[in-house]
Amino acid sequence: MESNTRPTLPHALRDLAAMAALLERLELNPHGSASASQYRDVALRVRSLLAEAPPGPMFDMLLSAAPATAALYENLQYAHAGLVRTPLETALEAERAAAAAIAKARAA
């Protein structure tokens, strides 16, 4: 008898997983058949589902498997959490670059 070792997504994450997979396909083929409007609709739906998603290990696994969705999540959380899914060194470099660009723009 075979045992199922794949984790089962909670019902609350199933729609997000399906839309995240679609967003990943759109990201991998930017010149595909989807229009800008269709891409925007998918991204907005993923955004809405991210807002409703329960946190936890399964949510983290989903974001790890879907880089475009993880990037969207990180951008949505940036105002109060910074680059929450980016390795610390990369996040620190991005923060420094942003601060330098802002200082340069103010000086101009």
C-alpha atoms as a PDB file:
ATOM      1  CA  MET A   1       0.000   0.000   0.000  1.00  0.00           C
ATOM      2  CA  GLU A   2       1.337   3.417  -0.966  1.00  0.00           C
ATOM      3  CA  SER A   3       1.356   6.249   1.534  1.00  0.00           C
ATOM      4  CA  ASN A   4       0.771   9.828   0.476  1.00  0.00           C
ATOM      5  CA  THR A   5       3.755  11.850   1.694  1.00  0.00           C
ATOM      6  CA  ARG A   6       2.777  15.073  -0.072  1.00  0.00           C
ATOM      7  CA  PRO A   7       1.279  17.600   2.321  1.00  0.00           C
ATOM      8  CA  THR A   8      -2.356  18.447   1.702  1.00  0.00           C
ATOM      9  CA  LEU A   9      -3.125  22.128   1.449  1.00  0.00           C
ATOM     10  CA  PRO A  10      -5.775  23.447   3.798  1.00  0.00           C
ATOM     11  CA  HIS A  11      -8.982  24.427   2.030  1.00  0.00           C
ATOM     12  CA  ALA A  12      -8.255  28.113   2.747  1.00  0.00           C
ATOM     13  CA  LEU A  13      -5.059  27.937   0.617  1.00  0.00           C
ATOM     14  CA  ARG A  14      -6.336  25.917  -2.360  1.00  0.00           C
ATOM     15  CA  ASP A  15      -7.623  28.888  -4.375  1.00  0.00           C
ATOM     16  CA  LEU A  16      -4.421  30.779  -3.652  1.00  0.00           C
ATOM     17  CA  ALA A  17      -2.333  27.817  -4.797  1.00  0.00           C
ATOM     18  CA  ALA A  18      -4.272  27.581  -8.056  1.00  0.00           C
ATOM     19  CA  MET A  19      -3.984  31.304  -8.773  1.00  0.00           C
ATOM     20  CA  ALA A  20      -0.316  31.316  -7.746  1.00  0.00           C
ATOM     21  CA  ALA A  21       0.338  28.550 -10.292  1.00  0.00           C
ATOM     22  CA  LEU A  22      -1.372  30.645 -12.966  1.00  0.00           C
ATOM     23  CA  LEU A  23       0.674  33.715 -11.998  1.00  0.00           C
ATOM     24  CA  GLU A  24       3.856  31.635 -12.206  1.00  0.00           C
ATOM     25  CA  ARG A  25       2.935  30.479 -15.725  1.00  0.00           C
ATOM     26  CA  LEU A  26       2.307  34.088 -16.770  1.00  0.00           C
ATOM     27  CA  GLU A  27       5.637  35.172 -15.281  1.00  0.00           C
ATOM     28  CA  LEU A  28       7.529  32.409 -17.073  1.00  0.00           C
ATOM     29  CA  ASN A  29       6.000  33.346 -20.437  1.00  0.00           C
ATOM     30  CA  PRO A  30       5.604  37.151 -20.425  1.00  0.00           C
ATOM     31  CA  HIS A  31       5.050  37.268 -24.186  1.00  0.00           C
ATOM     32  CA  GLY A  32       2.404  34.552 -24.099  1.00  0.00           C
ATOM     33  CA  SER A  33      -1.244  34.834 -24.975  1.00  0.00           C
ATOM     34  CA  ALA A  34      -2.329  36.695 -21.823  1.00  0.00           C
ATOM     35  CA  SER A  35      -3.065  40.393 -22.194  1.00  0.00           C
ATOM     36  CA  ALA A  36      -1.928  43.034 -19.739  1.00  0.00           C
ATOM     37  CA  SER A  37      -5.495  43.221 -18.448  1.00  0.00           C
ATOM     38  CA  GLN A  38      -5.613  39.468 -17.864  1.00  0.00           C
ATOM     39  CA  TYR A  39      -2.266  39.575 -16.069  1.00  0.00           C
ATOM     40  CA  ARG A  40      -3.510  42.426 -13.881  1.00  0.00           C
ATOM     41  CA  ASP A  41      -6.700  40.502 -13.065  1.00  0.00           C
ATOM     42  CA  VAL A  42      -4.686  37.451 -11.986  1.00  0.00           C
ATOM     43  CA  ALA A  43      -2.301  39.578  -9.890  1.00  0.00           C
ATOM     44  CA  LEU A  44      -5.235  41.366  -8.217  1.00  0.00           C
ATOM     45  CA  ARG A  45      -6.915  38.052  -7.435  1.00  0.00           C
ATOM     46  CA  VAL A  46      -3.679  36.675  -5.962  1.00  0.00           C
ATOM     47  CA  ARG A  47      -3.361  39.871  -3.917  1.00  0.00           C
ATOM     48  CA  SER A  48      -6.868  39.403  -2.553  1.00  0.00           C
ATOM     49  CA  LEU A  49      -6.236  35.757  -1.704  1.00  0.00           C
ATOM     50  CA  LEU A  50      -2.937  36.645   0.009  1.00  0.00           C
ATOM     51  CA  ALA A  51      -4.819  39.054   2.270  1.00  0.00           C
ATOM     52  CA  GLU A  52      -7.147  36.228   3.330  1.00  0.00           C
ATOM     53  CA  ALA A  53      -4.544  33.468   3.623  1.00  0.00           C
ATOM     54  CA  PRO A  54      -3.901  32.005   7.048  1.00  0.00           C
ATOM     55  CA  PRO A  55      -0.227  32.197   8.056  1.00  0.00           C
ATOM     56  CA  GLY A  56       1.681  29.078   8.901  1.00  0.00           C
ATOM     57  CA  PRO A  57       4.015  26.443   7.525  1.00  0.00           C
ATOM     58  CA  MET A  58       1.761  25.509   4.587  1.00  0.00           C
ATOM     59  CA  PHE A  59       1.483  29.171   3.566  1.00  0.00           C
ATOM     60  CA  ASP A  60       5.277  29.469   3.734  1.00  0.00           C
ATOM     61  CA  MET A  61       5.661  26.329   1.621  1.00  0.00           C
ATOM     62  CA  LEU A  62       3.269  27.739  -0.967  1.00  0.00           C
ATOM     63  CA  LEU A  63       5.247  30.998  -1.156  1.00  0.00           C
ATOM     64  CA  SER A  64       8.512  29.071  -1.450  1.00  0.00           C
ATOM     65  CA  ALA A  65       7.103  27.170  -4.419  1.00  0.00           C
ATOM     66  CA  ALA A  66       5.724  30.287  -6.135  1.00  0.00           C
ATOM     67  CA  PRO A  67       8.368  33.035  -6.421  1.00  0.00           C
ATOM     68  CA  ALA A  68       6.115  35.541  -8.230  1.00  0.00           C
ATOM     69  CA  THR A  69       3.463  35.181  -5.539  1.00  0.00           C
ATOM     70  CA  ALA A  70       6.129  35.453  -2.821  1.00  0.00           C
ATOM     71  CA  ALA A  71       7.422  38.667  -4.413  1.00  0.00           C
ATOM     72  CA  LEU A  72       3.887  40.061  -4.518  1.00  0.00           C
ATOM     73  CA  TYR A  73       3.367  39.100  -0.871  1.00  0.00           C
ATOM     74  CA  GLU A  74       6.637  40.731   0.116  1.00  0.00           C
ATOM     75  CA  ASN A  75       5.719  43.932  -1.720  1.00  0.00           C
ATOM     76  CA  LEU A  76       2.343  44.010   0.029  1.00  0.00           C
ATOM     77  CA  GLN A  77       4.004  43.537   3.433  1.00  0.00           C
ATOM     78  CA  TYR A  78       6.890  45.960   2.823  1.00  0.00           C
ATOM     79  CA  ALA A  79       5.319  48.978   4.550  1.00  0.00           C
ATOM     80  CA  HIS A  80       5.341  47.310   7.958  1.00  0.00           C
ATOM     81  CA  ALA A  81       7.689  44.340   7.574  1.00  0.00           C
ATOM     82  CA  GLY A  82      10.327  45.284   5.018  1.00  0.00           C
ATOM     83  CA  LEU A  83      11.699  42.563   2.795  1.00  0.00           C
ATOM     84  CA  VAL A  84      10.264  39.729   4.872  1.00  0.00           C
ATOM     85  CA  ARG A  85      11.109  36.848   2.537  1.00  0.00           C
ATOM     86  CA  THR A  86      14.458  38.061   1.258  1.00  0.00           C
ATOM     87  CA  PRO A  87      17.735  36.914   2.828  1.00  0.00           C
ATOM     88  CA  LEU A  88      19.018  39.522   5.270  1.00  0.00           C
ATOM     89  CA  GLU A  89      22.108  40.538   3.285  1.00  0.00           C
ATOM     90  CA  THR A  90      20.095  41.051   0.093  1.00  0.00           C
ATOM     91  CA  ALA A  91      17.466  43.007   2.003  1.00  0.00           C
ATOM     92  CA  LEU A  92      20.115  45.179   3.643  1.00  0.00           C
ATOM     93  CA  GLU A  93      21.739  45.939   0.282  1.00  0.00           C
ATOM     94  CA  ALA A  94      18.353  46.879  -1.171  1.00  0.00           C
ATOM     95  CA  GLU A  95      17.616  49.179   1.772  1.00  0.00           C
ATOM     96  CA  ARG A  96      21.003  50.883   1.412  1.00  0.00           C
ATOM     97  CA  ALA A  97      20.553  51.323  -2.341  1.00  0.00           C
ATOM     98  CA  ALA A  98      17.099  52.808  -1.807  1.00  0.00           C
ATOM     99  CA  ALA A  99      18.395  55.217   0.845  1.00  0.00           C
ATOM    100  CA  ALA A 100      21.230  56.304  -1.451  1.00  0.00           C
ATOM    101  CA  ALA A 101      18.846  56.843  -4.374  1.00  0.00           C
ATOM    102  CA  ILE A 102      16.517  58.907  -2.210  1.00  0.00           C
ATOM    103  CA  ALA A 103      19.391  61.030  -0.898  1.00  0.00           C
ATOM    104  CA  LYS A 104      20.666  61.563  -4.441  1.00  0.00           C
ATOM    105  CA  ALA A 105      17.196  62.577  -5.674  1.00  0.00           C
ATOM    106  CA  ARG A 106      16.776  65.040  -2.810  1.00  0.00           C
ATOM    107  CA  ALA A 107      20.164  66.601  -3.535  1.00  0.00           C
ATOM    108  CA  ALA A 108      19.358  67.113  -7.218  1.00  0.00           C
END
